[in-house]
PDB file of all heavy atoms in Angstrom:
ATOM      1  N   ASN A   1      32.256 -55.564  34.190  1.00  0.00           N
ATOM      2  CA  ASN A   1      33.693 -55.838  34.154  1.00  0.00           C
ATOM      3  C   ASN A   1      34.087 -56.187  32.718  1.00  0.00           C
ATOM      4  O   ASN A   1      33.865 -57.306  32.255  1.00  0.00           O
ATOM      5  CB  ASN A   1      34.027 -57.001  35.096  1.00  0.00           C
ATOM      6  CG  ASN A   1      35.473 -57.424  34.989  1.00  0.00           C
ATOM      7  OD1 ASN A   1      36.316 -56.695  34.473  1.00  0.00           O
ATOM      8  ND2 ASN A   1      35.768 -58.624  35.471  1.00  0.00           N
ATOM      9  N   SER A   2      34.680 -55.240  32.025  1.00  0.00           N
ATOM     10  CA  SER A   2      35.044 -55.447  30.621  1.00  0.00           C
ATOM     11  C   SER A   2      36.479 -55.953  30.458  1.00  0.00           C
ATOM     12  O   SER A   2      36.984 -56.016  29.335  1.00  0.00           O
ATOM     13  CB  SER A   2      34.883 -54.141  29.837  1.00  0.00           C
ATOM     14  OG  SER A   2      35.819 -53.171  30.285  1.00  0.00           O
ATOM     15  N   HIS A   3      37.129 -56.338  31.560  1.00  0.00           N
ATOM     16  CA  HIS A   3      38.551 -56.676  31.539  1.00  0.00           C
ATOM     17  C   HIS A   3      38.900 -57.708  30.460  1.00  0.00           C
ATOM     18  O   HIS A   3      39.715 -57.446  29.566  1.00  0.00           O
ATOM     19  CB  HIS A   3      38.988 -57.191  32.911  1.00  0.00           C
ATOM     20  CG  HIS A   3      40.419 -57.657  32.944  1.00  0.00           C
ATOM     21  ND1 HIS A   3      41.466 -56.777  33.072  1.00  0.00           N
ATOM     22  CD2 HIS A   3      40.965 -58.894  32.843  1.00  0.00           C
ATOM     23  CE1 HIS A   3      42.609 -57.463  33.045  1.00  0.00           C
ATOM     24  NE2 HIS A   3      42.330 -58.736  32.912  1.00  0.00           N
ATOM     25  N   TRP A   4      38.292 -58.891  30.526  1.00  0.00           N
ATOM     26  CA  TRP A   4      38.653 -59.966  29.602  1.00  0.00           C
ATOM     27  C   TRP A   4      38.196 -59.655  28.184  1.00  0.00           C
ATOM     28  O   TRP A   4      38.887 -60.014  27.208  1.00  0.00           O
ATOM     29  CB  TRP A   4      38.089 -61.303  30.071  1.00  0.00           C
ATOM     30  CG  TRP A   4      38.677 -61.748  31.367  1.00  0.00           C
ATOM     31  CD1 TRP A   4      38.034 -61.911  32.569  1.00  0.00           C
ATOM     32  CD2 TRP A   4      40.057 -62.058  31.616  1.00  0.00           C
ATOM     33  NE1 TRP A   4      38.924 -62.291  33.539  1.00  0.00           N
ATOM     34  CE2 TRP A   4      40.170 -62.400  32.989  1.00  0.00           C
ATOM     35  CE3 TRP A   4      41.202 -62.068  30.829  1.00  0.00           C
ATOM     36  CZ2 TRP A   4      41.377 -62.758  33.571  1.00  0.00           C
ATOM     37  CZ3 TRP A   4      42.415 -62.419  31.400  1.00  0.00           C
ATOM     38  CH2 TRP A   4      42.495 -62.761  32.758  1.00  0.00           C
ATOM     39  N   TYR A   5      37.078 -58.970  28.058  1.00  0.00           N
ATOM     40  CA  TYR A   5      36.601 -58.580  26.733  1.00  0.00           C
ATOM     41  C   TYR A   5      37.570 -57.598  26.087  1.00  0.00           C
ATOM     42  O   TYR A   5      37.886 -57.710  24.886  1.00  0.00           O
ATOM     43  CB  TYR A   5      35.207 -57.958  26.837  1.00  0.00           C
ATOM     44  CG  TYR A   5      34.570 -57.660  25.501  1.00  0.00           C
ATOM     45  CD1 TYR A   5      33.916 -58.662  24.794  1.00  0.00           C
ATOM     46  CD2 TYR A   5      34.629 -56.383  24.958  1.00  0.00           C
ATOM     47  CE1 TYR A   5      33.335 -58.394  23.566  1.00  0.00           C
ATOM     48  CE2 TYR A   5      34.052 -56.113  23.728  1.00  0.00           C
ATOM     49  CZ  TYR A   5      33.412 -57.111  23.032  1.00  0.00           C
ATOM     50  OH  TYR A   5      32.844 -56.848  21.812  1.00  0.00           O
ATOM     51  N   ASP A   6      38.073 -56.637  26.870  1.00  0.00           N
ATOM     52  CA  ASP A   6      39.029 -55.661  26.345  1.00  0.00           C
ATOM     53  C   ASP A   6      40.345 -56.317  25.940  1.00  0.00           C
ATOM     54  O   ASP A   6      40.931 -55.966  24.912  1.00  0.00           O
ATOM     55  CB  ASP A   6      39.300 -54.575  27.393  1.00  0.00           C
ATOM     56  CG  ASP A   6      38.088 -53.684  27.644  1.00  0.00           C
ATOM     57  OD1 ASP A   6      37.174 -53.676  26.803  1.00  0.00           O
ATOM     58  OD2 ASP A   6      38.052 -53.010  28.694  1.00  0.00           O
ATOM     59  N   VAL A   7      40.815 -57.265  26.744  1.00  0.00           N
ATOM     60  CA  VAL A   7      42.045 -57.995  26.393  1.00  0.00           C
ATOM     61  C   VAL A   7      41.856 -58.683  25.041  1.00  0.00           C
ATOM     62  O   VAL A   7      42.710 -58.601  24.145  1.00  0.00           O
ATOM     63  CB  VAL A   7      42.398 -59.033  27.476  1.00  0.00           C
ATOM     64  CG1 VAL A   7      43.554 -59.926  27.000  1.00  0.00           C
ATOM     65  CG2 VAL A   7      42.792 -58.345  28.781  1.00  0.00           C
ATOM     66  N   ALA A   8      40.736 -59.376  24.891  1.00  0.00           N
ATOM     67  CA  ALA A   8      40.477 -60.112  23.660  1.00  0.00           C
ATOM     68  C   ALA A   8      40.346 -59.183  22.457  1.00  0.00           C
ATOM     69  O   ALA A   8      40.886 -59.461  21.378  1.00  0.00           O
ATOM     70  CB  ALA A   8      39.207 -60.953  23.817  1.00  0.00           C
ATOM     71  N   GLU A   9      39.620 -58.090  22.615  1.00  0.00           N
ATOM     72  CA  GLU A   9      39.450 -57.158  21.501  1.00  0.00           C
ATOM     73  C   GLU A   9      40.780 -56.568  21.052  1.00  0.00           C
ATOM     74  O   GLU A   9      41.029 -56.414  19.855  1.00  0.00           O
ATOM     75  CB  GLU A   9      38.485 -56.037  21.888  1.00  0.00           C
ATOM     76  CG  GLU A   9      37.050 -56.278  21.467  1.00  0.00           C
ATOM     77  CD  GLU A   9      36.309 -54.991  21.174  1.00  0.00           C
ATOM     78  OE1 GLU A   9      36.529 -53.999  21.901  1.00  0.00           O
ATOM     79  OE2 GLU A   9      35.510 -54.969  20.210  1.00  0.00           O
ATOM     80  N   ASN A  10      41.654 -56.224  21.998  1.00  0.00           N
ATOM     81  CA  ASN A  10      42.957 -55.681  21.632  1.00  0.00           C
ATOM     82  C   ASN A  10      43.815 -56.717  20.909  1.00  0.00           C
ATOM     83  O   ASN A  10      44.545 -56.390  19.966  1.00  0.00           O
ATOM     84  CB  ASN A  10      43.680 -55.158  22.878  1.00  0.00           C
ATOM     85  CG  ASN A  10      43.174 -53.787  23.298  1.00  0.00           C
ATOM     86  OD1 ASN A  10      42.211 -53.285  22.738  1.00  0.00           O
ATOM     87  ND2 ASN A  10      43.814 -53.180  24.284  1.00  0.00           N
ATOM     88  N   LEU A  11      43.731 -57.967  21.346  1.00  0.00           N
ATOM     89  CA  LEU A  11      44.435 -59.035  20.640  1.00  0.00           C
ATOM     90  C   LEU A  11      43.901 -59.169  19.215  1.00  0.00           C
ATOM     91  O   LEU A  11      44.668 -59.280  18.248  1.00  0.00           O
ATOM     92  CB  LEU A  11      44.267 -60.363  21.380  1.00  0.00           C
ATOM     93  CG  LEU A  11      45.032 -60.524  22.698  1.00  0.00           C
ATOM     94  CD1 LEU A  11      44.527 -61.760  23.444  1.00  0.00           C
ATOM     95  CD2 LEU A  11      46.534 -60.653  22.448  1.00  0.00           C
ATOM     96  N   GLU A  12      42.569 -59.171  19.081  1.00  0.00           N
ATOM     97  CA  GLU A  12      41.944 -59.308  17.767  1.00  0.00           C
ATOM     98  C   GLU A  12      42.340 -58.157  16.842  1.00  0.00           C
ATOM     99  O   GLU A  12      42.720 -58.387  15.681  1.00  0.00           O
ATOM    100  CB  GLU A  12      40.419 -59.347  17.915  1.00  0.00           C
ATOM    101  CG  GLU A  12      39.692 -59.475  16.590  1.00  0.00           C
ATOM    102  CD  GLU A  12      38.180 -59.317  16.716  1.00  0.00           C
ATOM    103  OE1 GLU A  12      37.680 -59.084  17.836  1.00  0.00           O
ATOM    104  OE2 GLU A  12      37.516 -59.414  15.666  1.00  0.00           O
ATOM    105  N   HIS A  13      42.259 -56.919  17.330  1.00  0.00           N
ATOM    106  CA  HIS A  13      42.563 -55.764  16.499  1.00  0.00           C
ATOM    107  C   HIS A  13      44.030 -55.755  16.066  1.00  0.00           C
ATOM    108  O   HIS A  13      44.337 -55.418  14.912  1.00  0.00           O
ATOM    109  CB  HIS A  13      42.234 -54.475  17.261  1.00  0.00           C
ATOM    110  CG  HIS A  13      40.772 -54.270  17.475  1.00  0.00           C
ATOM    111  ND1 HIS A  13      40.252 -53.401  18.426  1.00  0.00           N
ATOM    112  CD2 HIS A  13      39.689 -54.833  16.874  1.00  0.00           C
ATOM    113  CE1 HIS A  13      38.940 -53.439  18.389  1.00  0.00           C
ATOM    114  NE2 HIS A  13      38.572 -54.304  17.460  1.00  0.00           N
ATOM    115  N   THR A  14      44.909 -56.138  16.971  1.00  0.00           N
ATOM    116  CA  THR A  14      46.338 -56.154  16.630  1.00  0.00           C
ATOM    117  C   THR A  14      46.632 -57.211  15.585  1.00  0.00           C
ATOM    118  O   THR A  14      47.383 -56.975  14.625  1.00  0.00           O
ATOM    119  CB  THR A  14      47.201 -56.402  17.884  1.00  0.00           C
ATOM    120  OG1 THR A  14      46.885 -55.425  18.888  1.00  0.00           O
ATOM    121  CG2 THR A  14      48.687 -56.299  17.554  1.00  0.00           C
ATOM    122  N   MET A  15      46.056 -58.403  15.740  1.00  0.00           N
ATOM    123  CA  MET A  15      46.254 -59.466  14.762  1.00  0.00           C
ATOM    124  C   MET A  15      45.732 -59.033  13.384  1.00  0.00           C
ATOM    125  O   MET A  15      46.398 -59.240  12.362  1.00  0.00           O
ATOM    126  CB  MET A  15      45.548 -60.742  15.218  1.00  0.00           C
ATOM    127  CG  MET A  15      46.263 -61.483  16.332  1.00  0.00           C
ATOM    128  SD  MET A  15      47.788 -62.274  15.765  1.00  0.00           S
ATOM    129  CE  MET A  15      47.123 -63.666  14.841  1.00  0.00           C
ATOM    130  N   TYR A  16      44.566 -58.430  13.354  1.00  0.00           N
ATOM    131  CA  TYR A  16      43.982 -57.975  12.085  1.00  0.00           C
ATOM    132  C   TYR A  16      44.902 -56.957  11.415  1.00  0.00           C
ATOM    133  O   TYR A  16      45.212 -57.066  10.217  1.00  0.00           O
ATOM    134  CB  TYR A  16      42.605 -57.365  12.351  1.00  0.00           C
ATOM    135  CG  TYR A  16      41.837 -56.989  11.097  1.00  0.00           C
ATOM    136  CD1 TYR A  16      40.908 -57.862  10.556  1.00  0.00           C
ATOM    137  CD2 TYR A  16      42.044 -55.758  10.472  1.00  0.00           C
ATOM    138  CE1 TYR A  16      40.186 -57.526   9.410  1.00  0.00           C
ATOM    139  CE2 TYR A  16      41.337 -55.417   9.325  1.00  0.00           C
ATOM    140  CZ  TYR A  16      40.415 -56.304   8.801  1.00  0.00           C
ATOM    141  OH  TYR A  16      39.729 -55.967   7.667  1.00  0.00           O
ATOM    142  N   ARG A  17      45.346 -55.979  12.194  1.00  0.00           N
ATOM    143  CA  ARG A  17      46.204 -54.921  11.650  1.00  0.00           C
ATOM    144  C   ARG A  17      47.519 -55.463  11.115  1.00  0.00           C
ATOM    145  O   ARG A  17      47.948 -55.120  10.010  1.00  0.00           O
ATOM    146  CB  ARG A  17      46.485 -53.896  12.756  1.00  0.00           C
ATOM    147  CG  ARG A  17      47.300 -52.683  12.314  1.00  0.00           C
ATOM    148  CD  ARG A  17      47.793 -51.933  13.522  1.00  0.00           C
ATOM    149  NE  ARG A  17      48.844 -52.680  14.223  1.00  0.00           N
ATOM    150  CZ  ARG A  17      49.122 -52.529  15.516  1.00  0.00           C
ATOM    151  NH1 ARG A  17      48.416 -51.695  16.269  1.00  0.00           N
ATOM    152  NH2 ARG A  17      50.105 -53.224  16.054  1.00  0.00           N
ATOM    153  N   GLU A  18      48.150 -56.354  11.876  1.00  0.00           N
ATOM    154  CA  GLU A  18      49.461 -56.863  11.490  1.00  0.00           C
ATOM    155  C   GLU A  18      49.376 -57.769  10.262  1.00  0.00           C
ATOM    156  O   GLU A  18      50.247 -57.735   9.398  1.00  0.00           O
ATOM    157  CB  GLU A  18      50.100 -57.614  12.657  1.00  0.00           C
ATOM    158  CG  GLU A  18      50.502 -56.712  13.813  1.00  0.00           C
ATOM    159  CD  GLU A  18      51.466 -55.624  13.381  1.00  0.00           C
ATOM    160  OE1 GLU A  18      52.494 -55.961  12.740  1.00  0.00           O
ATOM    161  OE2 GLU A  18      51.187 -54.432  13.662  1.00  0.00           O
ATOM    162  N   PHE A  19      48.328 -58.573  10.157  1.00  0.00           N
ATOM    163  CA  PHE A  19      48.193 -59.434   8.991  1.00  0.00           C
ATOM    164  C   PHE A  19      47.872 -58.632   7.738  1.00  0.00           C
ATOM    165  O   PHE A  19      48.349 -58.949   6.642  1.00  0.00           O
ATOM    166  CB  PHE A  19      47.133 -60.517   9.242  1.00  0.00           C
ATOM    167  CG  PHE A  19      47.712 -61.787   9.796  1.00  0.00           C
ATOM    168  CD1 PHE A  19      48.186 -61.843  11.097  1.00  0.00           C
ATOM    169  CD2 PHE A  19      47.804 -62.923   9.015  1.00  0.00           C
ATOM    170  CE1 PHE A  19      48.738 -63.008  11.620  1.00  0.00           C
ATOM    171  CE2 PHE A  19      48.351 -64.096   9.512  1.00  0.00           C
ATOM    172  CZ  PHE A  19      48.830 -64.137  10.822  1.00  0.00           C
ATOM    173  N   MET A  20      47.084 -57.574   7.893  1.00  0.00           N
ATOM    174  CA  MET A  20      46.807 -56.713   6.747  1.00  0.00           C
ATOM    175  C   MET A  20      48.082 -56.014   6.279  1.00  0.00           C
ATOM    176  O   MET A  20      48.331 -55.880   5.072  1.00  0.00           O
ATOM    177  CB  MET A  20      45.749 -55.671   7.116  1.00  0.00           C
ATOM    178  CG  MET A  20      44.343 -56.230   7.227  1.00  0.00           C
ATOM    179  SD  MET A  20      43.685 -56.913   5.674  1.00  0.00           S
ATOM    180  CE  MET A  20      43.562 -55.442   4.670  1.00  0.00           C
ATOM    181  N   ALA A  21      48.898 -55.604   7.235  1.00  0.00           N
ATOM    182  CA  ALA A  21      50.120 -54.864   6.900  1.00  0.00           C
ATOM    183  C   ALA A  21      51.194 -55.758   6.289  1.00  0.00           C
ATOM    184  O   ALA A  21      51.916 -55.336   5.375  1.00  0.00           O
ATOM    185  CB  ALA A  21      50.667 -54.175   8.148  1.00  0.00           C
ATOM    186  N   THR A  22      51.304 -56.986   6.769  1.00  0.00           N
ATOM    187  CA  THR A  22      52.401 -57.860   6.328  1.00  0.00           C
ATOM    188  C   THR A  22      52.015 -58.851   5.245  1.00  0.00           C
ATOM    189  O   THR A  22      52.848 -59.257   4.438  1.00  0.00           O
ATOM    190  CB  THR A  22      52.968 -58.643   7.530  1.00  0.00           C
ATOM    191  OG1 THR A  22      51.939 -59.449   8.108  1.00  0.00           O
ATOM    192  CG2 THR A  22      53.529 -57.682   8.576  1.00  0.00           C
ATOM    193  N   LYS A  23      50.748 -59.259   5.225  1.00  0.00           N
ATOM    194  CA  LYS A  23      50.319 -60.282   4.267  1.00  0.00           C
ATOM    195  C   LYS A  23      49.268 -59.782   3.286  1.00  0.00           C
ATOM    196  O   LYS A  23      48.909 -60.501   2.349  1.00  0.00           O
ATOM    197  CB  LYS A  23      49.794 -61.509   5.012  1.00  0.00           C
ATOM    198  CG  LYS A  23      50.833 -62.158   5.936  1.00  0.00           C
ATOM    199  CD  LYS A  23      50.283 -63.385   6.628  1.00  0.00           C
ATOM    200  CE  LYS A  23      51.289 -63.983   7.596  1.00  0.00           C
ATOM    201  NZ  LYS A  23      52.528 -64.444   6.938  1.00  0.00           N
ATOM    202  N   GLY A  24      48.773 -58.578   3.538  1.00  0.00           N
ATOM    203  CA  GLY A  24      47.773 -58.024   2.631  1.00  0.00           C
ATOM    204  C   GLY A  24      46.403 -58.646   2.759  1.00  0.00           C
ATOM    205  O   GLY A  24      45.532 -58.429   1.906  1.00  0.00           O
ATOM    206  N   LYS A  25      46.184 -59.426   3.792  1.00  0.00           N
ATOM    207  CA  LYS A  25      44.879 -60.024   4.031  1.00  0.00           C
ATOM    208  C   LYS A  25      44.682 -60.189   5.533  1.00  0.00           C
ATOM    209  O   LYS A  25      45.651 -60.335   6.282  1.00  0.00           O
ATOM    210  CB  LYS A  25      44.753 -61.370   3.318  1.00  0.00           C
ATOM    211  CG  LYS A  25      45.762 -62.411   3.757  1.00  0.00           C
ATOM    212  CD  LYS A  25      45.579 -63.709   2.986  1.00  0.00           C
ATOM    213  CE  LYS A  25      46.582 -64.777   3.439  1.00  0.00           C
ATOM    214  NZ  LYS A  25      46.408 -66.039   2.696  1.00  0.00           N
ATOM    215  N   PRO A  26      43.426 -60.171   5.974  1.00  0.00           N
ATOM    216  CA  PRO A  26      43.172 -60.254   7.415  1.00  0.00           C
ATOM    217  C   PRO A  26      43.217 -61.683   7.937  1.00  0.00           C
ATOM    218  O   PRO A  26      43.186 -62.642   7.168  1.00  0.00           O
ATOM    219  CB  PRO A  26      41.758 -59.683   7.547  1.00  0.00           C
ATOM    220  CG  PRO A  26      41.100 -60.076   6.253  1.00  0.00           C
ATOM    221  CD  PRO A  26      42.184 -59.981   5.199  1.00  0.00           C
ATOM    222  N   ILE A  27      43.291 -61.797   9.243  1.00  0.00           N
ATOM    223  CA  ILE A  27      43.087 -63.076   9.915  1.00  0.00           C
ATOM    224  C   ILE A  27      42.007 -62.855  10.964  1.00  0.00           C
ATOM    225  O   ILE A  27      41.941 -61.779  11.586  1.00  0.00           O
ATOM    226  CB  ILE A  27      44.385 -63.614  10.547  1.00  0.00           C
ATOM    227  CG1 ILE A  27      44.174 -65.067  11.017  1.00  0.00           C
ATOM    228  CG2 ILE A  27      44.878 -62.726  11.691  1.00  0.00           C
ATOM    229  CD1 ILE A  27      45.472 -65.770  11.418  1.00  0.00           C
ATOM    230  N   PHE A  28      41.140 -63.842  11.147  1.00  0.00           N
ATOM    231  CA  PHE A  28      39.978 -63.674  12.018  1.00  0.00           C
ATOM    232  C   PHE A  28      40.038 -64.635  13.199  1.00  0.00           C
ATOM    233  O   PHE A  28      40.660 -65.698  13.121  1.00  0.00           O
ATOM    234  CB  PHE A  28      38.697 -63.921  11.232  1.00  0.00           C
ATOM    235  CG  PHE A  28      38.502 -63.012  10.069  1.00  0.00           C
ATOM    236  CD1 PHE A  28      38.821 -63.421   8.776  1.00  0.00           C
ATOM    237  CD2 PHE A  28      37.990 -61.736  10.247  1.00  0.00           C
ATOM    238  CE1 PHE A  28      38.638 -62.585   7.692  1.00  0.00           C
ATOM    239  CE2 PHE A  28      37.800 -60.882   9.169  1.00  0.00           C
ATOM    240  CZ  PHE A  28      38.132 -61.307   7.884  1.00  0.00           C
ATOM    241  N   PRO A  29      39.352 -64.268  14.286  1.00  0.00           N
ATOM    242  CA  PRO A  29      39.244 -65.208  15.410  1.00  0.00           C
ATOM    243  C   PRO A  29      38.449 -66.445  14.998  1.00  0.00           C
ATOM    244  O   PRO A  29      37.558 -66.365  14.149  1.00  0.00           O
ATOM    245  CB  PRO A  29      38.484 -64.422  16.490  1.00  0.00           C
ATOM    246  CG  PRO A  29      38.527 -63.002  16.061  1.00  0.00           C
ATOM    247  CD  PRO A  29      38.645 -63.011  14.573  1.00  0.00           C
ATOM    248  N   ASN A  30      38.765 -67.580  15.587  1.00  0.00           N
ATOM    249  CA  ASN A  30      37.966 -68.777  15.367  1.00  0.00           C
ATOM    250  C   ASN A  30      37.066 -69.015  16.577  1.00  0.00           C
ATOM    251  O   ASN A  30      37.024 -68.197  17.506  1.00  0.00           O
ATOM    252  CB  ASN A  30      38.852 -69.990  15.054  1.00  0.00           C
ATOM    253  CG  ASN A  30      39.873 -70.262  16.143  1.00  0.00           C
ATOM    254  OD1 ASN A  30      39.584 -70.136  17.337  1.00  0.00           O
ATOM    255  ND2 ASN A  30      41.082 -70.640  15.750  1.00  0.00           N
ATOM    256  N   VAL A  31      36.371 -70.127  16.583  1.00  0.00           N
ATOM    257  CA  VAL A  31      35.383 -70.393  17.624  1.00  0.00           C
ATOM    258  C   VAL A  31      35.987 -70.408  19.024  1.00  0.00           C
ATOM    259  O   VAL A  31      35.329 -70.061  20.013  1.00  0.00           O
ATOM    260  CB  VAL A  31      34.653 -71.727  17.341  1.00  0.00           C
ATOM    261  CG1 VAL A  31      35.601 -72.912  17.450  1.00  0.00           C
ATOM    262  CG2 VAL A  31      33.452 -71.916  18.252  1.00  0.00           C
ATOM    263  N   ASP A  32      37.251 -70.794  19.133  1.00  0.00           N
ATOM    264  CA  ASP A  32      37.862 -70.935  20.453  1.00  0.00           C
ATOM    265  C   ASP A  32      38.165 -69.591  21.112  1.00  0.00           C
ATOM    266  O   ASP A  32      38.264 -69.510  22.337  1.00  0.00           O
ATOM    267  CB  ASP A  32      39.164 -71.739  20.344  1.00  0.00           C
ATOM    268  CG  ASP A  32      38.924 -73.135  19.823  1.00  0.00           C
ATOM    269  OD1 ASP A  32      38.098 -73.845  20.424  1.00  0.00           O
ATOM    270  OD2 ASP A  32      39.538 -73.513  18.814  1.00  0.00           O
ATOM    271  N   PHE A  33      38.324 -68.536  20.311  1.00  0.00           N
ATOM    272  CA  PHE A  33      38.815 -67.275  20.859  1.00  0.00           C
ATOM    273  C   PHE A  33      37.821 -66.632  21.825  1.00  0.00           C
ATOM    274  O   PHE A  33      38.100 -66.475  23.020  1.00  0.00           O
ATOM    275  CB  PHE A  33      39.169 -66.316  19.720  1.00  0.00           C
ATOM    276  CG  PHE A  33      39.891 -65.078  20.189  1.00  0.00           C
ATOM    277  CD1 PHE A  33      41.194 -65.156  20.641  1.00  0.00           C
ATOM    278  CD2 PHE A  33      39.270 -63.838  20.175  1.00  0.00           C
ATOM    279  CE1 PHE A  33      41.870 -64.033  21.091  1.00  0.00           C
ATOM    280  CE2 PHE A  33      39.929 -62.703  20.609  1.00  0.00           C
ATOM    281  CZ  PHE A  33      41.235 -62.794  21.061  1.00  0.00           C
ATOM    282  N   TYR A  34      36.650 -66.248  21.331  1.00  0.00           N
ATOM    283  CA  TYR A  34      35.702 -65.578  22.226  1.00  0.00           C
ATOM    284  C   TYR A  34      34.926 -66.560  23.111  1.00  0.00           C
ATOM    285  O   TYR A  34      34.380 -66.157  24.148  1.00  0.00           O
ATOM    286  CB  TYR A  34      34.753 -64.682  21.433  1.00  0.00           C
ATOM    287  CG  TYR A  34      35.393 -63.331  21.118  1.00  0.00           C
ATOM    288  CD1 TYR A  34      35.876 -63.047  19.850  1.00  0.00           C
ATOM    289  CD2 TYR A  34      35.550 -62.365  22.111  1.00  0.00           C
ATOM    290  CE1 TYR A  34      36.486 -61.827  19.559  1.00  0.00           C
ATOM    291  CE2 TYR A  34      36.149 -61.145  21.834  1.00  0.00           C
ATOM    292  CZ  TYR A  34      36.618 -60.878  20.564  1.00  0.00           C
ATOM    293  OH  TYR A  34      37.231 -59.672  20.305  1.00  0.00           O
TER     294      TYR A  34
END
């Protein structure tokens, strides 16, 4: 069952993409995320 893993990965990828596009630098998950 990859349901929750897929939700988290999509959140992570979107955050990374948007921060790179708007701020020119990435943002990463912290210990609480996964």
